[in-house]
PDB file of N, CA and C in Angstrom:
ATOM      1  N   MET A   1     -80.416   0.309-179.136  1.00  0.00           N
ATOM      2  CA  MET A   1     -80.747  -0.348-177.914  1.00  0.00           C
ATOM      3  C   MET A   1     -80.058   0.366-176.768  1.00  0.00           C
ATOM      4  N   PRO A   2     -80.722   1.234-176.085  1.00  0.00           N
ATOM      5  CA  PRO A   2     -80.106   1.869-174.931  1.00  0.00           C
ATOM      6  C   PRO A   2     -79.914   0.877-173.801  1.00  0.00           C
ATOM      7  N   THR A   3     -78.906   1.103-173.004  1.00  0.00           N
ATOM      8  CA  THR A   3     -78.727   0.323-171.795  1.00  0.00           C
ATOM      9  C   THR A   3     -78.650   1.289-170.641  1.00  0.00           C
ATOM     10  N   PHE A   4     -78.970   0.828-169.480  1.00  0.00           N
ATOM     11  CA  PHE A   4     -78.881   1.676-168.317  1.00  0.00           C
ATOM     12  C   PHE A   4     -78.596   0.824-167.109  1.00  0.00           C
ATOM     13  N   SER A   5     -78.178   1.440-166.034  1.00  0.00           N
ATOM     14  CA  SER A   5     -77.829   0.674-164.852  1.00  0.00           C
ATOM     15  C   SER A   5     -78.713   1.063-163.684  1.00  0.00           C
ATOM     16  N   CYS A   6     -78.895   0.116-162.811  1.00  0.00           N
ATOM     17  CA  CYS A   6     -79.652   0.357-161.590  1.00  0.00           C
ATOM     18  C   CYS A   6     -78.735   1.095-160.615  1.00  0.00           C
ATOM     19  N   PRO A   7     -79.257   1.925-159.747  1.00  0.00           N
ATOM     20  CA  PRO A   7     -78.403   2.617-158.788  1.00  0.00           C
ATOM     21  C   PRO A   7     -77.539   1.634-158.004  1.00  0.00           C
ATOM     22  N   THR A   8     -76.305   2.019-157.711  1.00  0.00           N
ATOM     23  CA  THR A   8     -75.374   1.116-157.044  1.00  0.00           C
ATOM     24  C   THR A   8     -75.802   0.771-155.631  1.00  0.00           C
ATOM     25  N   ALA A   9     -76.750   1.493-155.057  1.00  0.00           N
ATOM     26  CA  ALA A   9     -77.235   1.162-153.722  1.00  0.00           C
ATOM     27  C   ALA A   9     -78.032  -0.141-153.718  1.00  0.00           C
ATOM     28  N   VAL A  10     -78.477  -0.582-154.886  1.00  0.00           N
ATOM     29  CA  VAL A  10     -79.222  -1.830-154.962  1.00  0.00           C
ATOM     30  C   VAL A  10     -78.240  -2.968-154.780  1.00  0.00           C
ATOM     31  N   THR A  11     -78.482  -3.831-153.804  1.00  0.00           N
ATOM     32  CA  THR A  11     -77.535  -4.899-153.524  1.00  0.00           C
ATOM     33  C   THR A  11     -77.972  -6.241-154.063  1.00  0.00           C
ATOM     34  N   SER A  12     -79.261  -6.432-154.287  1.00  0.00           N
ATOM     35  CA  SER A  12     -79.705  -7.691-154.858  1.00  0.00           C
ATOM     36  C   SER A  12     -80.365  -7.416-156.196  1.00  0.00           C
ATOM     37  N   ILE A  13     -80.076  -8.255-157.141  1.00  0.00           N
ATOM     38  CA  ILE A  13     -80.589  -8.065-158.490  1.00  0.00           C
ATOM     39  C   ILE A  13     -81.928  -8.766-158.608  1.00  0.00           C
ATOM     40  N   THR A  14     -82.936  -8.007-158.970  1.00  0.00           N
ATOM     41  CA  THR A  14     -84.248  -8.587-159.216  1.00  0.00           C
ATOM     42  C   THR A  14     -84.839  -7.896-160.432  1.00  0.00           C
ATOM     43  N   ALA A  15     -85.783  -8.529-161.056  1.00  0.00           N
ATOM     44  CA  ALA A  15     -86.429  -7.931-162.225  1.00  0.00           C
ATOM     45  C   ALA A  15     -87.114  -6.625-161.855  1.00  0.00           C
ATOM     46  N   SER A  16     -87.560  -6.508-160.606  1.00  0.00           N
ATOM     47  CA  SER A  16     -88.267  -5.287-160.213  1.00  0.00           C
ATOM     48  C   SER A  16     -87.351  -4.068-160.217  1.00  0.00           C
ATOM     49  N   CYS A  17     -86.051  -4.263-160.118  1.00  0.00           N
ATOM     50  CA  CYS A  17     -85.121  -3.134-160.125  1.00  0.00           C
ATOM     51  C   CYS A  17     -85.258  -2.334-161.410  1.00  0.00           C
ATOM     52  N   ALA A  18     -85.430  -3.017-162.535  1.00  0.00           N
ATOM     53  CA  ALA A  18     -85.527  -2.329-163.817  1.00  0.00           C
ATOM     54  C   ALA A  18     -86.812  -1.526-163.939  1.00  0.00           C
ATOM     55  N   LEU A  19     -87.778  -1.841-163.136  1.00  0.00           N
ATOM     56  CA  LEU A  19     -89.076  -1.207-163.290  1.00  0.00           C
ATOM     57  C   LEU A  19     -89.319  -0.079-162.297  1.00  0.00           C
ATOM     58  N   THR A  20     -88.365   0.212-161.441  1.00  0.00           N
ATOM     59  CA  THR A  20     -88.578   1.273-160.468  1.00  0.00           C
ATOM     60  C   THR A  20     -88.636   2.616-161.179  1.00  0.00           C
ATOM     61  N   PRO A  21     -89.502   3.512-160.706  1.00  0.00           N
ATOM     62  CA  PRO A  21     -89.595   4.838-161.331  1.00  0.00           C
ATOM     63  C   PRO A  21     -88.256   5.577-161.333  1.00  0.00           C
ATOM     64  N   THR A  22     -87.451   5.408-160.300  1.00  0.00           N
ATOM     65  CA  THR A  22     -86.164   6.096-160.234  1.00  0.00           C
ATOM     66  C   THR A  22     -85.267   5.704-161.402  1.00  0.00           C
ATOM     67  N   VAL A  23     -85.198   4.418-161.703  1.00  0.00           N
ATOM     68  CA  VAL A  23     -84.352   3.945-162.802  1.00  0.00           C
ATOM     69  C   VAL A  23     -84.879   4.464-164.131  1.00  0.00           C
ATOM     70  N   LEU A  24     -86.183   4.385-164.341  1.00  0.00           N
ATOM     71  CA  LEU A  24     -86.754   4.835-165.611  1.00  0.00           C
ATOM     72  C   LEU A  24     -86.601   6.340-165.798  1.00  0.00           C
ATOM     73  N   VAL A  25     -86.782   7.118-164.730  1.00  0.00           N
ATOM     74  CA  VAL A  25     -86.596   8.567-164.814  1.00  0.00           C
ATOM     75  C   VAL A  25     -85.128   8.881-165.073  1.00  0.00           C
ATOM     76  N   SER A  26     -84.226   8.191-164.380  1.00  0.00           N
ATOM     77  CA  SER A  26     -82.792   8.405-164.575  1.00  0.00           C
ATOM     78  C   SER A  26     -82.388   8.099-166.017  1.00  0.00           C
ATOM     79  N   PHE A  27     -82.929   7.017-166.566  1.00  0.00           N
ATOM     80  CA  PHE A  27     -82.642   6.645-167.943  1.00  0.00           C
ATOM     81  C   PHE A  27     -83.080   7.751-168.908  1.00  0.00           C
ATOM     82  N   SER A  28     -84.302   8.230-168.744  1.00  0.00           N
ATOM     83  CA  SER A  28     -84.822   9.297-169.610  1.00  0.00           C
ATOM     84  C   SER A  28     -84.007  10.579-169.463  1.00  0.00           C
ATOM     85  N   TYR A  29     -83.703  10.927-168.238  1.00  0.00           N
ATOM     86  CA  TYR A  29     -82.940  12.145-167.928  1.00  0.00           C
ATOM     87  C   TYR A  29     -81.561  12.120-168.594  1.00  0.00           C
ATOM     88  N   ALA A  30     -80.900  10.960-168.551  1.00  0.00           N
ATOM     89  CA  ALA A  30     -79.537  10.848-169.070  1.00  0.00           C
ATOM     90  C   ALA A  30     -79.463  10.633-170.574  1.00  0.00           C
ATOM     91  N   THR A  31     -80.544  10.090-171.174  1.00  0.00           N
ATOM     92  CA  THR A  31     -80.467   9.732-172.591  1.00  0.00           C
ATOM     93  C   THR A  31     -81.401  10.515-173.507  1.00  0.00           C
ATOM     94  N   GLY A  32     -82.509  11.009-172.969  1.00  0.00           N
ATOM     95  CA  GLY A  32     -83.515  11.647-173.816  1.00  0.00           C
ATOM     96  C   GLY A  32     -84.473  10.647-174.450  1.00  0.00           C
ATOM     97  N   TRP A  33     -84.411   9.390-174.010  1.00  0.00           N
ATOM     98  CA  TRP A  33     -85.290   8.333-174.510  1.00  0.00           C
ATOM     99  C   TRP A  33     -86.110   7.777-173.351  1.00  0.00           C
ATOM    100  N   ARG A  34     -87.351   7.383-173.597  1.00  0.00           N
ATOM    101  CA  ARG A  34     -88.189   6.729-172.596  1.00  0.00           C
ATOM    102  C   ARG A  34     -88.308   5.259-172.965  1.00  0.00           C
ATOM    103  N   ALA A  35     -87.744   4.400-172.123  1.00  0.00           N
ATOM    104  CA  ALA A  35     -87.794   2.953-172.366  1.00  0.00           C
ATOM    105  C   ALA A  35     -89.180   2.426-172.054  1.00  0.00           C
ATOM    106  N   HIS A  36     -89.638   1.473-172.872  1.00  0.00           N
ATOM    107  CA  HIS A  36     -90.897   0.792-172.591  1.00  0.00           C
ATOM    108  C   HIS A  36     -90.827  -0.614-173.144  1.00  0.00           C
ATOM    109  N   GLY A  37     -91.870  -1.363-172.945  1.00  0.00           N
ATOM    110  CA  GLY A  37     -91.826  -2.778-173.291  1.00  0.00           C
ATOM    111  C   GLY A  37     -91.080  -3.518-172.199  1.00  0.00           C
ATOM    112  N   PRO A  38     -90.730  -4.756-172.454  1.00  0.00           N
ATOM    113  CA  PRO A  38     -90.010  -5.506-171.423  1.00  0.00           C
ATOM    114  C   PRO A  38     -88.618  -4.899-171.187  1.00  0.00           C
ATOM    115  N   ILE A  39     -88.284  -4.732-169.917  1.00  0.00           N
ATOM    116  CA  ILE A  39     -86.956  -4.246-169.534  1.00  0.00           C
ATOM    117  C   ILE A  39     -86.335  -5.359-168.708  1.00  0.00           C
ATOM    118  N   ARG A  40     -85.217  -5.911-169.208  1.00  0.00           N
ATOM    119  CA  ARG A  40     -84.661  -7.120-168.604  1.00  0.00           C
ATOM    120  C   ARG A  40     -83.254  -6.892-168.067  1.00  0.00           C
ATOM    121  N   TYR A  41     -82.977  -7.510-166.934  1.00  0.00           N
ATOM    122  CA  TYR A  41     -81.627  -7.512-166.388  1.00  0.00           C
ATOM    123  C   TYR A  41     -80.734  -8.338-167.307  1.00  0.00           C
ATOM    124  N   MET A  42     -79.537  -7.824-167.629  1.00  0.00           N
ATOM    125  CA  MET A  42     -78.577  -8.554-168.462  1.00  0.00           C
ATOM    126  C   MET A  42     -77.417  -9.086-167.643  1.00  0.00           C
ATOM    127  N   LEU A  43     -76.714  -8.203-166.941  1.00  0.00           N
ATOM    128  CA  LEU A  43     -75.511  -8.595-166.224  1.00  0.00           C
ATOM    129  C   LEU A  43     -75.053  -7.461-165.322  1.00  0.00           C
ATOM    130  N   SER A  44     -74.046  -7.752-164.509  1.00  0.00           N
ATOM    131  CA  SER A  44     -73.406  -6.725-163.687  1.00  0.00           C
ATOM    132  C   SER A  44     -71.925  -6.722-164.015  1.00  0.00           C
ATOM    133  N   THR A  45     -71.307  -5.567-163.888  1.00  0.00           N
ATOM    134  CA  THR A  45     -69.883  -5.442-164.177  1.00  0.00           C
ATOM    135  C   THR A  45     -69.242  -4.476-163.187  1.00  0.00           C
ATOM    136  N   HIS A  46     -67.959  -4.662-162.966  1.00  0.00           N
ATOM    137  CA  HIS A  46     -67.157  -3.752-162.140  1.00  0.00           C
ATOM    138  C   HIS A  46     -66.173  -3.080-163.101  1.00  0.00           C
ATOM    139  N   PRO A  47     -66.461  -1.873-163.566  1.00  0.00           N
ATOM    140  CA  PRO A  47     -65.643  -1.260-164.613  1.00  0.00           C
ATOM    141  C   PRO A  47     -64.223  -0.886-164.207  1.00  0.00           C
ATOM    142  N   SER A  48     -63.980  -0.675-162.928  1.00  0.00           N
ATOM    143  CA  SER A  48     -62.628  -0.294-162.491  1.00  0.00           C
ATOM    144  C   SER A  48     -62.231  -1.058-161.233  1.00  0.00           C
ATOM    145  N   PRO A  49     -62.151  -2.387-161.311  1.00  0.00           N
ATOM    146  CA  PRO A  49     -61.815  -3.153-160.109  1.00  0.00           C
ATOM    147  C   PRO A  49     -60.430  -2.765-159.589  1.00  0.00           C
ATOM    148  N   GLY A  50     -60.336  -2.684-158.291  1.00  0.00           N
ATOM    149  CA  GLY A  50     -59.068  -2.302-157.685  1.00  0.00           C
ATOM    150  C   GLY A  50     -58.902  -0.804-157.517  1.00  0.00           C
ATOM    151  N   LEU A  51     -59.653  -0.013-158.262  1.00  0.00           N
ATOM    152  CA  LEU A  51     -59.572   1.444-158.161  1.00  0.00           C
ATOM    153  C   LEU A  51     -60.749   2.028-157.391  1.00  0.00           C
ATOM    154  N   VAL A  52     -61.952   1.579-157.753  1.00  0.00           N
ATOM    155  CA  VAL A  52     -63.166   2.046-157.089  1.00  0.00           C
ATOM    156  C   VAL A  52     -64.138   0.883-156.941  1.00  0.00           C
ATOM    157  N   GLN A  53     -64.956   0.950-155.914  1.00  0.00           N
ATOM    158  CA  GLN A  53     -66.017  -0.030-155.757  1.00  0.00           C
ATOM    159  C   GLN A  53     -67.250   0.533-156.440  1.00  0.00           C
ATOM    160  N   SER A  54     -67.495   0.063-157.633  1.00  0.00           N
ATOM    161  CA  SER A  54     -68.615   0.563-158.417  1.00  0.00           C
ATOM    162  C   SER A  54     -69.141  -0.587-159.255  1.00  0.00           C
ATOM    163  N   GLU A  55     -70.255  -1.138-158.836  1.00  0.00           N
ATOM    164  CA  GLU A  55     -70.876  -2.213-159.591  1.00  0.00           C
ATOM    165  C   GLU A  55     -71.979  -1.633-160.458  1.00  0.00           C
ATOM    166  N   HIS A  56     -71.931  -1.902-161.743  1.00  0.00           N
ATOM    167  CA  HIS A  56     -72.950  -1.426-162.673  1.00  0.00           C
ATOM    168  C   HIS A  56     -73.859  -2.590-163.037  1.00  0.00           C
ATOM    169  N   HIS A  57     -75.150  -2.434-162.800  1.00  0.00           N
ATOM    170  CA  HIS A  57     -76.151  -3.434-163.141  1.00  0.00           C
ATOM    171  C   HIS A  57     -76.778  -2.994-164.454  1.00  0.00           C
ATOM    172  N   ILE A  58     -76.652  -3.815-165.470  1.00  0.00           N
ATOM    173  CA  ILE A  58     -77.060  -3.430-166.821  1.00  0.00           C
ATOM    174  C   ILE A  58     -78.358  -4.129-167.203  1.00  0.00           C
ATOM    175  N   PHE A  59     -79.279  -3.322-167.720  1.00  0.00           N
ATOM    176  CA  PHE A  59     -80.581  -3.803-168.152  1.00  0.00           C
ATOM    177  C   PHE A  59     -80.752  -3.502-169.634  1.00  0.00           C
ATOM    178  N   ARG A  60     -81.653  -4.227-170.254  1.00  0.00           N
ATOM    179  CA  ARG A  60     -81.889  -4.064-171.693  1.00  0.00           C
ATOM    180  C   ARG A  60     -83.340  -3.696-171.965  1.00  0.00           C
ATOM    181  N   ALA A  61     -83.503  -2.697-172.807  1.00  0.00           N
ATOM    182  CA  ALA A  61     -84.820  -2.317-173.317  1.00  0.00           C
ATOM    183  C   ALA A  61     -84.725  -2.359-174.838  1.00  0.00           C
ATOM    184  N   ASP A  62     -85.600  -3.084-175.471  1.00  0.00           N
ATOM    185  CA  ASP A  62     -85.559  -3.209-176.929  1.00  0.00           C
ATOM    186  C   ASP A  62     -86.383  -2.155-177.645  1.00  0.00           C
ATOM    187  N   ASP A  63     -87.097  -1.344-176.883  1.00  0.00           N
ATOM    188  CA  ASP A  63     -87.937  -0.332-177.514  1.00  0.00           C
ATOM    189  C   ASP A  63     -87.931   0.921-176.646  1.00  0.00           C
ATOM    190  N   ALA A  64     -87.903   2.063-177.279  1.00  0.00           N
ATOM    191  CA  ALA A  64     -87.918   3.336-176.557  1.00  0.00           C
ATOM    192  C   ALA A  64     -88.457   4.416-177.481  1.00  0.00           C
ATOM    193  N   THR A  65     -88.906   5.484-176.875  1.00  0.00           N
ATOM    194  CA  THR A  65     -89.422   6.626-177.618  1.00  0.00           C
ATOM    195  C   THR A  65     -88.545   7.828-177.318  1.00  0.00           C
ATOM    196  N   TYR A  66     -88.136   8.535-178.361  1.00  0.00           N
ATOM    197  CA  TYR A  66     -87.328   9.744-178.180  1.00  0.00           C
ATOM    198  C   TYR A  66     -88.220  10.842-177.608  1.00  0.00           C
ATOM    199  N   ILE A  67     -87.777  11.443-176.489  1.00  0.00           N
ATOM    200  CA  ILE A  67     -88.576  12.489-175.859  1.00  0.00           C
ATOM    201  C   ILE A  67     -87.885  13.846-175.868  1.00  0.00           C
ATOM    202  N   GLY A  68     -86.648  13.912-176.352  1.00  0.00           N
ATOM    203  CA  GLY A  68     -85.920  15.177-176.426  1.00  0.00           C
ATOM    204  C   GLY A  68     -84.468  14.992-176.036  1.00  0.00           C
ATOM    205  N   PRO A  69     -83.678  16.043-176.140  1.00  0.00           N
ATOM    206  CA  PRO A  69     -82.258  15.916-175.793  1.00  0.00           C
ATOM    207  C   PRO A  69     -82.080  15.566-174.316  1.00  0.00           C
ATOM    208  N   PRO A  70     -80.992  14.888-173.974  1.00  0.00           N
ATOM    209  CA  PRO A  70     -80.752  14.557-172.567  1.00  0.00           C
ATOM    210  C   PRO A  70     -80.733  15.817-171.706  1.00  0.00           C
ATOM    211  N   GLU A  71     -81.308  15.709-170.514  1.00  0.00           N
ATOM    212  CA  GLU A  71     -81.305  16.842-169.596  1.00  0.00           C
ATOM    213  C   GLU A  71     -79.962  16.990-168.900  1.00  0.00           C
ATOM    214  N   ASP A  72     -79.212  15.908-168.837  1.00  0.00           N
ATOM    215  CA  ASP A  72     -77.913  15.922-168.169  1.00  0.00           C
ATOM    216  C   ASP A  72     -76.847  15.572-169.202  1.00  0.00           C
ATOM    217  N   SER A  73     -76.296  16.586-169.863  1.00  0.00           N
ATOM    218  CA  SER A  73     -75.388  16.351-170.992  1.00  0.00           C
ATOM    219  C   SER A  73     -74.038  15.768-170.589  1.00  0.00           C
ATOM    220  N   HIS A  74     -73.681  15.772-169.299  1.00  0.00           N
ATOM    221  CA  HIS A  74     -72.389  15.198-168.921  1.00  0.00           C
ATOM    222  C   HIS A  74     -72.422  13.669-168.849  1.00  0.00           C
ATOM    223  N   GLU A  75     -73.597  13.067-168.974  1.00  0.00           N
ATOM    224  CA  GLU A  75     -73.722  11.612-168.891  1.00  0.00           C
ATOM    225  C   GLU A  75     -73.057  10.900-170.075  1.00  0.00           C
ATOM    226  N   SER A  76     -73.063  11.525-171.253  1.00  0.00           N
ATOM    227  CA  SER A  76     -72.483  10.882-172.433  1.00  0.00           C
ATOM    228  C   SER A  76     -72.180  11.932-173.496  1.00  0.00           C
ATOM    229  N   ASP A  77     -71.318  11.546-174.434  1.00  0.00           N
ATOM    230  CA  ASP A  77     -70.972  12.440-175.535  1.00  0.00           C
ATOM    231  C   ASP A  77     -72.024  12.420-176.635  1.00  0.00           C
ATOM    232  N   ARG A  78     -72.630  11.250-176.816  1.00  0.00           N
ATOM    233  CA  ARG A  78     -73.581  11.084-177.910  1.00  0.00           C
ATOM    234  C   ARG A  78     -74.572   9.986-177.529  1.00  0.00           C
ATOM    235  N   VAL A  79     -75.842  10.217-177.786  1.00  0.00           N
ATOM    236  CA  VAL A  79     -76.877   9.220-177.508  1.00  0.00           C
ATOM    237  C   VAL A  79     -77.724   9.084-178.758  1.00  0.00           C
ATOM    238  N   GLU A  80     -77.816   7.866-179.268  1.00  0.00           N
ATOM    239  CA  GLU A  80     -78.691   7.629-180.419  1.00  0.00           C
ATOM    240  C   GLU A  80     -79.066   6.160-180.487  1.00  0.00           C
ATOM    241  N   TRP A  81     -80.164   5.884-181.158  1.00  0.00           N
ATOM    242  CA  TRP A  81     -80.637   4.524-181.367  1.00  0.00           C
ATOM    243  C   TRP A  81     -79.889   3.982-182.580  1.00  0.00           C
ATOM    244  N   VAL A  82     -79.157   2.889-182.408  1.00  0.00           N
ATOM    245  CA  VAL A  82     -78.314   2.344-183.473  1.00  0.00           C
ATOM    246  C   VAL A  82     -78.704   0.889-183.730  1.00  0.00           C
ATOM    247  N   PRO A  83     -78.941   0.520-184.994  1.00  0.00           N
ATOM    248  CA  PRO A  83     -79.236  -0.884-185.303  1.00  0.00           C
ATOM    249  C   PRO A  83     -78.061  -1.786-184.892  1.00  0.00           C
ATOM    250  N   LEU A  84     -78.365  -2.980-184.413  1.00  0.00           N
ATOM    251  CA  LEU A  84     -77.313  -3.898-183.973  1.00  0.00           C
ATOM    252  C   LEU A  84     -76.270  -4.155-185.055  1.00  0.00           C
ATOM    253  N   ALA A  85     -76.690  -4.194-186.308  1.00  0.00           N
ATOM    254  CA  ALA A  85     -75.750  -4.466-187.406  1.00  0.00           C
ATOM    255  C   ALA A  85     -74.655  -3.404-187.513  1.00  0.00           C
ATOM    256  N   GLU A  86     -74.888  -2.224-186.964  1.00  0.00           N
ATOM    257  CA  GLU A  86     -73.900  -1.138-187.044  1.00  0.00           C
ATOM    258  C   GLU A  86     -72.972  -1.073-185.829  1.00  0.00           C
ATOM    259  N   ILE A  87     -73.216  -1.909-184.828  1.00  0.00           N
ATOM    260  CA  ILE A  87     -72.438  -1.824-183.586  1.00  0.00           C
ATOM    261  C   ILE A  87     -70.990  -2.251-183.778  1.00  0.00           C
ATOM    262  N   ARG A  88     -70.741  -3.404-184.385  1.00  0.00           N
ATOM    263  CA  ARG A  88     -69.342  -3.879-184.549  1.00  0.00           C
ATOM    264  C   ARG A  88     -68.474  -2.867-185.305  1.00  0.00           C
ATOM    265  N   PRO A  89     -68.950  -2.305-186.425  1.00  0.00           N
ATOM    266  CA  PRO A  89     -68.132  -1.295-187.103  1.00  0.00           C
ATOM    267  C   PRO A  89     -67.849  -0.068-186.223  1.00  0.00           C
ATOM    268  N   LEU A  90     -68.814   0.365-185.433  1.00  0.00           N
ATOM    269  CA  LEU A  90     -68.587   1.511-184.540  1.00  0.00           C
ATOM    270  C   LEU A  90     -67.540   1.181-183.478  1.00  0.00           C
ATOM    271  N   ILE A  91     -67.574  -0.048-182.965  1.00  0.00           N
ATOM    272  CA  ILE A  91     -66.559  -0.470-181.992  1.00  0.00           C
ATOM    273  C   ILE A  91     -65.191  -0.547-182.673  1.00  0.00           C
ATOM    274  N   SER A  92     -65.132  -1.119-183.867  1.00  0.00           N
ATOM    275  CA  SER A  92     -63.864  -1.249-184.598  1.00  0.00           C
ATOM    276  C   SER A  92     -63.232   0.099-184.905  1.00  0.00           C
ATOM    277  N   LYS A  93     -64.076   1.103-185.188  1.00  0.00           N
ATOM    278  CA  LYS A  93     -63.575   2.456-185.482  1.00  0.00           C
ATOM    279  C   LYS A  93     -63.331   3.258-184.202  1.00  0.00           C
ATOM    280  N   GLN A  94     -63.486   2.609-183.050  1.00  0.00           N
ATOM    281  CA  GLN A  94     -63.313   3.225-181.735  1.00  0.00           C
ATOM    282  C   GLN A  94     -64.230   4.434-181.533  1.00  0.00           C
ATOM    283  N   GLU A  95     -65.423   4.345-182.099  1.00  0.00           N
ATOM    284  CA  GLU A  95     -66.434   5.371-181.860  1.00  0.00           C
ATOM    285  C   GLU A  95     -67.241   5.052-180.606  1.00  0.00           C
ATOM    286  N   ILE A  96     -67.150   3.804-180.143  1.00  0.00           N
ATOM    287  CA  ILE A  96     -67.725   3.396-178.857  1.00  0.00           C
ATOM    288  C   ILE A  96     -66.561   2.860-178.035  1.00  0.00           C
ATOM    289  N   THR A  97     -66.231   3.548-176.952  1.00  0.00           N
ATOM    290  CA  THR A  97     -65.073   3.143-176.149  1.00  0.00           C
ATOM    291  C   THR A  97     -65.367   3.036-174.654  1.00  0.00           C
ATOM    292  N   ALA A  98     -66.517   3.484-174.212  1.00  0.00           N
ATOM    293  CA  ALA A  98     -66.838   3.422-172.781  1.00  0.00           C
ATOM    294  C   ALA A  98     -66.969   1.959-172.348  1.00  0.00           C
ATOM    295  N   GLY A  99     -66.270   1.602-171.277  1.00  0.00           N
ATOM    296  CA  GLY A  99     -66.187   0.212-170.833  1.00  0.00           C
ATOM    297  C   GLY A  99     -67.522  -0.459-170.565  1.00  0.00           C
ATOM    298  N   THR A 100     -68.385   0.167-169.773  1.00  0.00           N
ATOM    299  CA  THR A 100     -69.665  -0.455-169.449  1.00  0.00           C
ATOM    300  C   THR A 100     -70.541  -0.577-170.688  1.00  0.00           C
ATOM    301  N   THR A 101     -70.499   0.416-171.559  1.00  0.00           N
ATOM    302  CA  THR A 101     -71.255   0.345-172.812  1.00  0.00           C
ATOM    303  C   THR A 101     -70.754  -0.805-173.674  1.00  0.00           C
ATOM    304  N   LEU A 102     -69.425  -0.969-173.759  1.00  0.00           N
ATOM    305  CA  LEU A 102     -68.865  -2.077-174.537  1.00  0.00           C
ATOM    306  C   LEU A 102     -69.282  -3.429-173.961  1.00  0.00           C
ATOM    307  N   VAL A 103     -69.229  -3.572-172.650  1.00  0.00           N
ATOM    308  CA  VAL A 103     -69.647  -4.827-172.018  1.00  0.00           C
ATOM    309  C   VAL A 103     -71.091  -5.138-172.398  1.00  0.00           C
ATOM    310  N   ALA A 104     -71.966  -4.156-172.289  1.00  0.00           N
ATOM    311  CA  ALA A 104     -73.378  -4.357-172.600  1.00  0.00           C
ATOM    312  C   ALA A 104     -73.584  -4.721-174.066  1.00  0.00           C
ATOM    313  N   LEU A 105     -72.969  -3.957-174.959  1.00  0.00           N
ATOM    314  CA  LEU A 105     -73.171  -4.198-176.393  1.00  0.00           C
ATOM    315  C   LEU A 105     -72.574  -5.529-176.843  1.00  0.00           C
ATOM    316  N   LEU A 106     -71.394  -5.864-176.356  1.00  0.00           N
ATOM    317  CA  LEU A 106     -70.786  -7.136-176.732  1.00  0.00           C
ATOM    318  C   LEU A 106     -71.600  -8.316-176.194  1.00  0.00           C
ATOM    319  N   HIS A 107     -72.186  -8.135-175.030  1.00  0.00           N
ATOM    320  CA  HIS A 107     -73.069  -9.181-174.478  1.00  0.00           C
ATOM    321  C   HIS A 107     -74.285  -9.362-175.385  1.00  0.00           C
ATOM    322  N   VAL A 108     -74.894  -8.275-175.808  1.00  0.00           N
ATOM    323  CA  VAL A 108     -76.056  -8.357-176.707  1.00  0.00           C
ATOM    324  C   VAL A 108     -75.648  -9.001-178.032  1.00  0.00           C
ATOM    325  N   LEU A 109     -74.515  -8.585-178.580  1.00  0.00           N
ATOM    326  CA  LEU A 109     -74.069  -9.144-179.869  1.00  0.00           C
ATOM    327  C   LEU A 109     -73.766 -10.636-179.751  1.00  0.00           C
ATOM    328  N   SER A 110     -73.268 -11.085-178.602  1.00  0.00           N
ATOM    329  CA  SER A 110     -72.970 -12.502-178.456  1.00  0.00           C
ATOM    330  C   SER A 110     -74.230 -13.351-178.446  1.00  0.00           C
ATOM    331  N   ASP A 111     -75.370 -12.737-178.105  1.00  0.00           N
ATOM    332  CA  ASP A 111     -76.646 -13.454-178.104  1.00  0.00           C
ATOM    333  C   ASP A 111     -77.366 -13.400-179.441  1.00  0.00           C
ATOM    334  N   SER A 112     -76.908 -12.516-180.344  1.00  0.00           N
ATOM    335  CA  SER A 112     -77.638 -12.360-181.609  1.00  0.00           C
ATOM    336  C   SER A 112     -77.085 -13.236-182.716  1.00  0.00           C
TER     337      SER A 112
END
């Protein structure tokens, strides 16, 4: 389940934010996956409060198609589609440590 964020210039959260071409292109560019199906807003987070003003708006896509390696390799160390059942062990082994990714995944796991 890939997650992605809306550009920080967006000040109001609406369902249409997830559907803008800019967000979908950015998601594909950074991950190598093309999200489709319903794309839903999940939550917003401030990953470094007190240090930087950076609000991350997190959306969820339950389906995506692999289109090739990410075009922007500095976005992440590793990108892959992982079944939800494997998420907790990956977090426990500290294979997933990025703050915004953890917030998104733990939110999804709390709903499952």
